[in-house]
């Protein structure tokens, strides 16, 4: 099972998963770069997974569907161009010989989905769109802090080795923020140095793992005393995890 990140636009990734000449892609914000990779690798596109409706995640869906006939799956309650298979969370899809568990993870958008599978003999894969990032989470455009907390809590329960395949190269910015939240967290400092080396070579920092995210991601660490203290210093009105996440997200929105 071959997993690859196709860079598009300024900082997006389209994730491609291939097996025995067939492929699925996730969140194709552009079609042409995906078609180029499919041709180069001699792959047939069989499925397209959409996590949410933003243009940088769906901009290439119609072109890919028209060129390949691939089946499109996406959120039932968001504006994805038909025809597609609408999903609400709780379903199981079959693709590339894998069972894909569909997870409802609202917060960034109201109907945001994530997709999780366990390839035989490999670490599990999580396609999480803009809900969970390397050391961060998505902005709350349509959902609430409580929804985002519940979504992140659900993802955090997946196995440690799960590969976190998010849709943006936001890692350096997120790690700088994480370091501001927890300046004495040595794991954050080590990851920042490694990711700076990766980006200096124009290499992706992704995927992350859930084990790593639990150590460095402030939005998964809202119940840690150090994170609570930082959030209280930046507007959190209580030690409740929802209030902590809301204050962290607002702080991150203006962080530079």
C-alpha atoms as a PDB file:
ATOM      1  CA  UNK A   1       0.000   0.000   0.000  1.00  0.00           C
ATOM      2  CA  UNK A   2       1.693   3.186  -1.259  1.00  0.00           C
ATOM      3  CA  UNK A   3       0.864   6.481   0.476  1.00  0.00           C
ATOM      4  CA  UNK A   4       1.985   9.777  -1.059  1.00  0.00           C
ATOM      5  CA  UNK A   5       1.298  13.483  -0.607  1.00  0.00           C
ATOM      6  CA  UNK A   6       0.793  15.490  -3.811  1.00  0.00           C
ATOM      7  CA  UNK A   7       1.510  19.206  -3.204  1.00  0.00           C
ATOM      8  CA  UNK A   8      -0.989  21.637  -4.742  1.00  0.00           C
ATOM      9  CA  UNK A   9      -1.850  25.324  -4.474  1.00  0.00           C
ATOM     10  CA  UNK A  10       0.330  27.144  -1.913  1.00  0.00           C
ATOM     11  CA  UNK A  11       0.320  24.712   1.006  1.00  0.00           C
ATOM     12  CA  UNK A  12      -2.258  21.954   0.381  1.00  0.00           C
ATOM     13  CA  UNK A  13      -1.672  18.245  -0.028  1.00  0.00           C
ATOM     14  CA  UNK A  14      -3.804  15.795  -1.966  1.00  0.00           C
ATOM     15  CA  UNK A  15      -3.248  12.391  -0.388  1.00  0.00           C
ATOM     16  CA  UNK A  16      -2.930   9.441  -2.758  1.00  0.00           C
ATOM     17  CA  UNK A  17      -3.190   5.805  -1.691  1.00  0.00           C
ATOM     18  CA  UNK A  18      -2.386   3.143  -4.284  1.00  0.00           C
ATOM     19  CA  UNK A  19      -2.431  -0.646  -4.430  1.00  0.00           C
ATOM     20  CA  UNK A  20      -2.050  -2.969  -7.425  1.00  0.00           C
ATOM     21  CA  UNK A  21      -2.476  -0.230 -10.027  1.00  0.00           C
ATOM     22  CA  UNK A  22      -5.561   1.343  -8.450  1.00  0.00           C
ATOM     23  CA  UNK A  23      -5.677   4.531  -6.417  1.00  0.00           C
ATOM     24  CA  UNK A  24      -7.863   6.673  -4.207  1.00  0.00           C
ATOM     25  CA  UNK A  25      -7.224  10.345  -3.521  1.00  0.00           C
ATOM     26  CA  UNK A  26      -8.332  12.628  -0.725  1.00  0.00           C
ATOM     27  CA  UNK A  27      -9.359  16.298  -0.979  1.00  0.00           C
ATOM     28  CA  UNK A  28      -8.251  17.095  -4.544  1.00  0.00           C
ATOM     29  CA  UNK A  29      -8.261  20.879  -4.581  1.00  0.00           C
ATOM     30  CA  UNK A  30      -6.813  20.712  -8.103  1.00  0.00           C
ATOM     31  CA  UNK A  31      -7.239  18.046 -10.742  1.00  0.00           C
ATOM     32  CA  UNK A  32      -4.281  18.473 -13.109  1.00  0.00           C
ATOM     33  CA  UNK A  33      -1.490  17.621 -10.621  1.00  0.00           C
ATOM     34  CA  UNK A  34      -3.367  14.470  -9.603  1.00  0.00           C
ATOM     35  CA  UNK A  35      -3.869  13.387 -13.217  1.00  0.00           C
ATOM     36  CA  UNK A  36      -0.150  13.933 -13.860  1.00  0.00           C
ATOM     37  CA  UNK A  37       0.771  11.642 -10.951  1.00  0.00           C
ATOM     38  CA  UNK A  38      -1.737   9.011 -12.030  1.00  0.00           C
ATOM     39  CA  UNK A  39      -0.285   8.979 -15.569  1.00  0.00           C
ATOM     40  CA  UNK A  40       3.319   8.911 -14.342  1.00  0.00           C
ATOM     41  CA  UNK A  41       2.646   5.995 -12.018  1.00  0.00           C
ATOM     42  CA  UNK A  42       0.283   4.148 -14.328  1.00  0.00           C
ATOM     43  CA  UNK A  43      -2.581   4.230 -11.832  1.00  0.00           C
ATOM     44  CA  UNK A  44      -6.336   4.057 -12.306  1.00  0.00           C
ATOM     45  CA  UNK A  45      -8.303   6.347 -10.021  1.00  0.00           C
ATOM     46  CA  UNK A  46     -11.133   4.427  -8.387  1.00  0.00           C
ATOM     47  CA  UNK A  47     -12.254   6.643  -5.523  1.00  0.00           C
ATOM     48  CA  UNK A  48     -12.213  10.232  -4.256  1.00  0.00           C
ATOM     49  CA  UNK A  49     -12.690  11.031  -0.570  1.00  0.00           C
ATOM     50  CA  UNK A  50     -13.776  14.537   0.426  1.00  0.00           C
ATOM     51  CA  UNK A  51     -13.481  15.683   4.039  1.00  0.00           C
ATOM     52  CA  UNK A  52     -15.247  19.045   3.689  1.00  0.00           C
ATOM     53  CA  UNK A  53     -16.558  21.520   1.153  1.00  0.00           C
ATOM     54  CA  UNK A  54     -13.908  24.264   1.024  1.00  0.00           C
ATOM     55  CA  UNK A  55     -12.703  25.063  -2.491  1.00  0.00           C
ATOM     56  CA  UNK A  56      -9.082  24.116  -1.833  1.00  0.00           C
ATOM     57  CA  UNK A  57     -10.321  20.588  -1.042  1.00  0.00           C
ATOM     58  CA  UNK A  58     -12.916  20.076  -3.788  1.00  0.00           C
ATOM     59  CA  UNK A  59     -11.712  22.284  -6.664  1.00  0.00           C
ATOM     60  CA  UNK A  60     -10.482  19.328  -8.710  1.00  0.00           C
ATOM     61  CA  UNK A  61     -13.256  16.853  -7.938  1.00  0.00           C
ATOM     62  CA  UNK A  62     -15.380  17.429 -11.029  1.00  0.00           C
ATOM     63  CA  UNK A  63     -12.399  17.288 -13.421  1.00  0.00           C
ATOM     64  CA  UNK A  64     -11.136  14.047 -11.861  1.00  0.00           C
ATOM     65  CA  UNK A  65     -14.588  12.467 -11.859  1.00  0.00           C
ATOM     66  CA  UNK A  66     -15.064  13.393 -15.514  1.00  0.00           C
ATOM     67  CA  UNK A  67     -11.622  12.121 -16.540  1.00  0.00           C
ATOM     68  CA  UNK A  68     -11.630   8.854 -14.590  1.00  0.00           C
ATOM     69  CA  UNK A  69     -15.187   7.942 -13.603  1.00  0.00           C
ATOM     70  CA  UNK A  70     -14.034   7.587  -9.990  1.00  0.00           C
ATOM     71  CA  UNK A  71     -16.698   7.377  -7.295  1.00  0.00           C
ATOM     72  CA  UNK A  72     -16.810  10.429  -5.037  1.00  0.00           C
ATOM     73  CA  UNK A  73     -17.615  10.220  -1.320  1.00  0.00           C
ATOM     74  CA  UNK A  74     -18.199  13.270   0.855  1.00  0.00           C
ATOM     75  CA  UNK A  75     -20.178  14.980   3.603  1.00  0.00           C
ATOM     76  CA  UNK A  76     -23.936  14.657   3.234  1.00  0.00           C
ATOM     77  CA  UNK A  77     -24.722  18.075   4.675  1.00  0.00           C
ATOM     78  CA  UNK A  78     -22.173  20.208   2.866  1.00  0.00           C
ATOM     79  CA  UNK A  79     -22.239  21.623  -0.689  1.00  0.00           C
ATOM     80  CA  UNK A  80     -20.291  19.016  -2.675  1.00  0.00           C
ATOM     81  CA  UNK A  81     -21.111  18.977  -6.383  1.00  0.00           C
ATOM     82  CA  UNK A  82     -23.145  15.890  -7.362  1.00  0.00           C
ATOM     83  CA  UNK A  83     -23.060  13.100  -8.182  1.00  0.00           C
ATOM     84  CA  UNK A  84     -21.435  11.764  -5.047  1.00  0.00           C
ATOM     85  CA  UNK A  85     -22.093   9.320  -2.234  1.00  0.00           C
ATOM     86  CA  UNK A  86     -23.224  11.347   0.805  1.00  0.00           C
ATOM     87  CA  UNK A  87     -21.895  10.312   4.206  1.00  0.00           C
ATOM     88  CA  UNK A  88     -22.729  11.495   7.712  1.00  0.00           C
ATOM     89  CA  UNK A  89     -20.300   9.484   9.854  1.00  0.00           C
ATOM     90  CA  UNK A  90     -20.630   5.963  11.174  1.00  0.00           C
ATOM     91  CA  UNK A  91     -20.522   4.327   7.735  1.00  0.00           C
ATOM     92  CA  UNK A  92     -17.878   1.876   6.525  1.00  0.00           C
ATOM     93  CA  UNK A  93     -16.619   2.056   2.944  1.00  0.00           C
ATOM     94  CA  UNK A  94     -14.660  -0.573   1.043  1.00  0.00           C
ATOM     95  CA  UNK A  95     -11.827   0.615  -1.157  1.00  0.00           C
ATOM     96  CA  UNK A  96      -8.441  -0.787  -2.208  1.00  0.00           C
ATOM     97  CA  UNK A  97      -9.280  -3.853  -0.155  1.00  0.00           C
ATOM     98  CA  UNK A  98      -9.592  -1.811   3.039  1.00  0.00           C
ATOM     99  CA  UNK A  99     -12.501  -1.021   5.345  1.00  0.00           C
ATOM    100  CA  UNK A 100     -12.683   2.761   5.705  1.00  0.00           C
ATOM    101  CA  UNK A 101     -14.427   3.969   8.852  1.00  0.00           C
ATOM    102  CA  UNK A 102     -16.154   7.312   8.314  1.00  0.00           C
ATOM    103  CA  UNK A 103     -15.911   9.632  11.313  1.00  0.00           C
ATOM    104  CA  UNK A 104     -17.994  12.773  11.875  1.00  0.00           C
ATOM    105  CA  UNK A 105     -15.593  15.465  13.124  1.00  0.00           C
ATOM    106  CA  UNK A 106     -17.401  18.828  13.046  1.00  0.00           C
ATOM    107  CA  UNK A 107     -15.681  22.009  14.128  1.00  0.00           C
ATOM    108  CA  UNK A 108     -13.767  23.427  11.169  1.00  0.00           C
ATOM    109  CA  UNK A 109     -16.958  22.992   9.144  1.00  0.00           C
ATOM    110  CA  UNK A 110     -20.354  21.735  10.256  1.00  0.00           C
ATOM    111  CA  UNK A 111     -20.264  18.422   8.372  1.00  0.00           C
ATOM    112  CA  UNK A 112     -16.534  17.682   8.325  1.00  0.00           C
ATOM    113  CA  UNK A 113     -15.588  14.006   7.947  1.00  0.00           C
ATOM    114  CA  UNK A 114     -12.448  11.955   8.550  1.00  0.00           C
ATOM    115  CA  UNK A 115     -11.566   8.534   7.144  1.00  0.00           C
ATOM    116  CA  UNK A 116      -9.671   5.812   9.022  1.00  0.00           C
ATOM    117  CA  UNK A 117      -8.358   2.427   7.861  1.00  0.00           C
ATOM    118  CA  UNK A 118      -5.893  -0.247   8.953  1.00  0.00           C
ATOM    119  CA  UNK A 119      -3.824  -1.639   6.037  1.00  0.00           C
ATOM    120  CA  UNK A 120      -2.561  -5.172   6.744  1.00  0.00           C
ATOM    121  CA  UNK A 121       0.972  -5.102   8.109  1.00  0.00           C
ATOM    122  CA  UNK A 122       1.160  -1.297   8.100  1.00  0.00           C
ATOM    123  CA  UNK A 123       0.353   1.512  10.510  1.00  0.00           C
ATOM    124  CA  UNK A 124      -3.239   2.772  10.420  1.00  0.00           C
ATOM    125  CA  UNK A 125      -4.078   5.754   8.203  1.00  0.00           C
ATOM    126  CA  UNK A 126      -6.198   8.764   9.157  1.00  0.00           C
ATOM    127  CA  UNK A 127      -7.268  11.288   6.531  1.00  0.00           C
ATOM    128  CA  UNK A 128      -8.434  14.161   8.714  1.00  0.00           C
ATOM    129  CA  UNK A 129      -8.674  17.151   6.364  1.00  0.00           C
ATOM    130  CA  UNK A 130      -8.538  20.375   8.353  1.00  0.00           C
ATOM    131  CA  UNK A 131      -9.677  19.028  11.727  1.00  0.00           C
ATOM    132  CA  UNK A 132      -6.342  17.829  13.098  1.00  0.00           C
ATOM    133  CA  UNK A 133      -3.020  19.238  11.895  1.00  0.00           C
ATOM    134  CA  UNK A 134       0.568  18.450  12.819  1.00  0.00           C
ATOM    135  CA  UNK A 135       0.710  20.328  16.159  1.00  0.00           C
ATOM    136  CA  UNK A 136      -2.542  22.170  15.474  1.00  0.00           C
ATOM    137  CA  UNK A 137      -6.207  22.133  14.507  1.00  0.00           C
ATOM    138  CA  UNK A 138      -8.382  23.936  11.995  1.00  0.00           C
ATOM    139  CA  UNK A 139     -10.060  27.295  12.483  1.00  0.00           C
ATOM    140  CA  UNK A 140     -13.629  27.197  13.712  1.00  0.00           C
ATOM    141  CA  UNK A 141     -15.413  28.525  10.642  1.00  0.00           C
ATOM    142  CA  UNK A 142     -18.753  26.781  11.170  1.00  0.00           C
ATOM    143  CA  UNK A 143     -18.495  24.750  14.375  1.00  0.00           C
ATOM    144  CA  UNK A 144     -18.057  25.455  18.069  1.00  0.00           C
ATOM    145  CA  UNK A 145     -15.165  24.899  20.473  1.00  0.00           C
ATOM    146  CA  UNK A 146     -17.195  22.117  22.100  1.00  0.00           C
ATOM    147  CA  UNK A 147     -17.640  20.367  18.754  1.00  0.00           C
ATOM    148  CA  UNK A 148     -13.951  20.670  17.920  1.00  0.00           C
ATOM    149  CA  UNK A 149     -12.949  19.343  21.323  1.00  0.00           C
ATOM    150  CA  UNK A 150     -15.245  16.338  20.910  1.00  0.00           C
ATOM    151  CA  UNK A 151     -13.881  15.699  17.411  1.00  0.00           C
ATOM    152  CA  UNK A 152     -10.256  15.916  18.540  1.00  0.00           C
ATOM    153  CA  UNK A 153     -10.968  13.720  21.549  1.00  0.00           C
ATOM    154  CA  UNK A 154     -12.443  11.089  19.236  1.00  0.00           C
ATOM    155  CA  UNK A 155      -9.397  11.166  16.945  1.00  0.00           C
ATOM    156  CA  UNK A 156      -7.025  11.053  19.921  1.00  0.00           C
ATOM    157  CA  UNK A 157      -8.467   7.664  20.891  1.00  0.00           C
ATOM    158  CA  UNK A 158      -7.160   6.031  17.706  1.00  0.00           C
ATOM    159  CA  UNK A 159      -4.007   3.877  17.977  1.00  0.00           C
ATOM    160  CA  UNK A 160      -0.646   5.503  18.710  1.00  0.00           C
ATOM    161  CA  UNK A 161       0.874   4.452  15.377  1.00  0.00           C
ATOM    162  CA  UNK A 162      -1.929   6.031  13.313  1.00  0.00           C
ATOM    163  CA  UNK A 163      -0.491   8.125  10.493  1.00  0.00           C
ATOM    164  CA  UNK A 164      -2.073  11.579  10.637  1.00  0.00           C
ATOM    165  CA  UNK A 165      -2.562  12.699   7.028  1.00  0.00           C
ATOM    166  CA  UNK A 166      -3.836  16.249   7.243  1.00  0.00           C
ATOM    167  CA  UNK A 167      -4.360  18.487   4.260  1.00  0.00           C
ATOM    168  CA  UNK A 168      -2.000  21.435   4.804  1.00  0.00           C
ATOM    169  CA  UNK A 169       1.691  22.105   5.356  1.00  0.00           C
ATOM    170  CA  UNK A 170       1.089  24.323   8.389  1.00  0.00           C
ATOM    171  CA  UNK A 171       3.569  22.494  10.595  1.00  0.00           C
ATOM    172  CA  UNK A 172       6.214  25.144  11.224  1.00  0.00           C
ATOM    173  CA  UNK A 173       3.666  27.782  12.165  1.00  0.00           C
ATOM    174  CA  UNK A 174       1.846  25.316  14.380  1.00  0.00           C
ATOM    175  CA  UNK A 175       5.023  24.208  16.143  1.00  0.00           C
ATOM    176  CA  UNK A 176       6.049  27.797  16.811  1.00  0.00           C
ATOM    177  CA  UNK A 177       2.673  28.335  18.433  1.00  0.00           C
ATOM    178  CA  UNK A 178       2.954  25.088  20.392  1.00  0.00           C
ATOM    179  CA  UNK A 179       6.342  26.264  21.681  1.00  0.00           C
ATOM    180  CA  UNK A 180       4.756  29.513  22.863  1.00  0.00           C
ATOM    181  CA  UNK A 181       2.101  27.526  24.716  1.00  0.00           C
ATOM    182  CA  UNK A 182       4.593  25.082  26.255  1.00  0.00           C
ATOM    183  CA  UNK A 183       8.071  26.656  26.116  1.00  0.00           C
ATOM    184  CA  UNK A 184       9.580  23.884  28.249  1.00  0.00           C
ATOM    185  CA  UNK A 185       8.304  21.001  26.117  1.00  0.00           C
ATOM    186  CA  UNK A 186      11.507  19.481  24.716  1.00  0.00           C
ATOM    187  CA  UNK A 187       9.637  17.291  22.227  1.00  0.00           C
ATOM    188  CA  UNK A 188       8.196  20.379  20.555  1.00  0.00           C
ATOM    189  CA  UNK A 189      11.681  21.880  20.259  1.00  0.00           C
ATOM    190  CA  UNK A 190      13.087  18.696  18.700  1.00  0.00           C
ATOM    191  CA  UNK A 191      10.232  18.448  16.214  1.00  0.00           C
ATOM    192  CA  UNK A 192      10.576  22.082  15.230  1.00  0.00           C
ATOM    193  CA  UNK A 193      14.251  21.583  14.414  1.00  0.00           C
ATOM    194  CA  UNK A 194      13.514  18.439  12.379  1.00  0.00           C
ATOM    195  CA  UNK A 195      10.646  20.056  10.482  1.00  0.00           C
ATOM    196  CA  UNK A 196      12.771  23.097   9.663  1.00  0.00           C
ATOM    197  CA  UNK A 197      15.297  20.732   8.058  1.00  0.00           C
ATOM    198  CA  UNK A 198      12.530  19.018   6.090  1.00  0.00           C
ATOM    199  CA  UNK A 199      11.119  22.257   4.730  1.00  0.00           C
ATOM    200  CA  UNK A 200      14.591  23.590   3.899  1.00  0.00           C
ATOM    201  CA  UNK A 201      14.845  20.607   1.524  1.00  0.00           C
ATOM    202  CA  UNK A 202      11.299  21.221   0.228  1.00  0.00           C
ATOM    203  CA  UNK A 203      10.174  17.943   1.798  1.00  0.00           C
ATOM    204  CA  UNK A 204       6.837  17.431   3.552  1.00  0.00           C
ATOM    205  CA  UNK A 205       6.668  17.204   7.332  1.00  0.00           C
ATOM    206  CA  UNK A 206       3.709  14.840   7.068  1.00  0.00           C
ATOM    207  CA  UNK A 207       2.345  12.447   8.034  1.00  0.00           C
ATOM    208  CA  UNK A 208       2.557  12.841  11.793  1.00  0.00           C
ATOM    209  CA  UNK A 209       1.454  10.150  14.259  1.00  0.00           C
ATOM    210  CA  UNK A 210      -1.109  10.277  17.004  1.00  0.00           C
ATOM    211  CA  UNK A 211       1.517   9.270  19.576  1.00  0.00           C
ATOM    212  CA  UNK A 212       3.537  12.351  18.608  1.00  0.00           C
ATOM    213  CA  UNK A 213       0.497  14.623  18.493  1.00  0.00           C
ATOM    214  CA  UNK A 214      -0.430  13.723  22.063  1.00  0.00           C
ATOM    215  CA  UNK A 215       3.013  14.984  23.127  1.00  0.00           C
ATOM    216  CA  UNK A 216       3.160  18.243  21.170  1.00  0.00           C
ATOM    217  CA  UNK A 217      -0.274  19.382  20.002  1.00  0.00           C
ATOM    218  CA  UNK A 218      -1.770  21.949  22.386  1.00  0.00           C
ATOM    219  CA  UNK A 219      -5.263  21.249  21.046  1.00  0.00           C
ATOM    220  CA  UNK A 220      -4.928  17.610  22.136  1.00  0.00           C
ATOM    221  CA  UNK A 221      -3.393  18.698  25.457  1.00  0.00           C
ATOM    222  CA  UNK A 222      -6.163  20.958  26.759  1.00  0.00           C
ATOM    223  CA  UNK A 223      -6.259  19.083  30.078  1.00  0.00           C
ATOM    224  CA  UNK A 224      -2.520  19.425  30.762  1.00  0.00           C
ATOM    225  CA  UNK A 225      -1.693  21.910  33.568  1.00  0.00           C
ATOM    226  CA  UNK A 226       0.917  23.733  31.455  1.00  0.00           C
ATOM    227  CA  UNK A 227      -1.532  24.209  28.587  1.00  0.00           C
ATOM    228  CA  UNK A 228      -4.342  25.263  30.916  1.00  0.00           C
ATOM    229  CA  UNK A 229      -2.060  27.883  32.501  1.00  0.00           C
ATOM    230  CA  UNK A 230      -1.091  29.285  29.107  1.00  0.00           C
ATOM    231  CA  UNK A 231      -4.727  29.422  27.987  1.00  0.00           C
ATOM    232  CA  UNK A 232      -5.755  31.154  31.236  1.00  0.00           C
ATOM    233  CA  UNK A 233      -3.093  33.778  30.551  1.00  0.00           C
ATOM    234  CA  UNK A 234      -4.676  34.333  27.123  1.00  0.00           C
ATOM    235  CA  UNK A 235      -8.322  34.707  28.006  1.00  0.00           C
ATOM    236  CA  UNK A 236      -9.676  31.310  29.088  1.00  0.00           C
ATOM    237  CA  UNK A 237     -12.332  32.016  31.704  1.00  0.00           C
ATOM    238  CA  UNK A 238     -12.049  28.574  33.338  1.00  0.00           C
ATOM    239  CA  UNK A 239      -9.945  25.420  33.391  1.00  0.00           C
ATOM    240  CA  UNK A 240     -12.634  23.519  31.467  1.00  0.00           C
ATOM    241  CA  UNK A 241     -11.218  21.893  28.329  1.00  0.00           C
ATOM    242  CA  UNK A 242     -13.734  23.644  26.059  1.00  0.00           C
ATOM    243  CA  UNK A 243     -12.760  27.051  27.435  1.00  0.00           C
ATOM    244  CA  UNK A 244      -9.079  26.164  27.113  1.00  0.00           C
ATOM    245  CA  UNK A 245      -9.490  25.089  23.480  1.00  0.00           C
ATOM    246  CA  UNK A 246     -11.511  28.209  22.653  1.00  0.00           C
ATOM    247  CA  UNK A 247      -8.823  30.473  24.130  1.00  0.00           C
ATOM    248  CA  UNK A 248      -6.025  28.578  22.362  1.00  0.00           C
ATOM    249  CA  UNK A 249      -7.809  28.778  19.015  1.00  0.00           C
ATOM    250  CA  UNK A 250      -8.419  32.507  19.399  1.00  0.00           C
ATOM    251  CA  UNK A 251      -4.786  33.024  20.379  1.00  0.00           C
ATOM    252  CA  UNK A 252      -3.580  30.981  17.399  1.00  0.00           C
ATOM    253  CA  UNK A 253      -5.798  33.033  15.068  1.00  0.00           C
ATOM    254  CA  UNK A 254      -3.692  36.135  15.812  1.00  0.00           C
ATOM    255  CA  UNK A 255      -0.361  34.453  16.540  1.00  0.00           C
ATOM    256  CA  UNK A 256       2.630  35.410  14.427  1.00  0.00           C
END
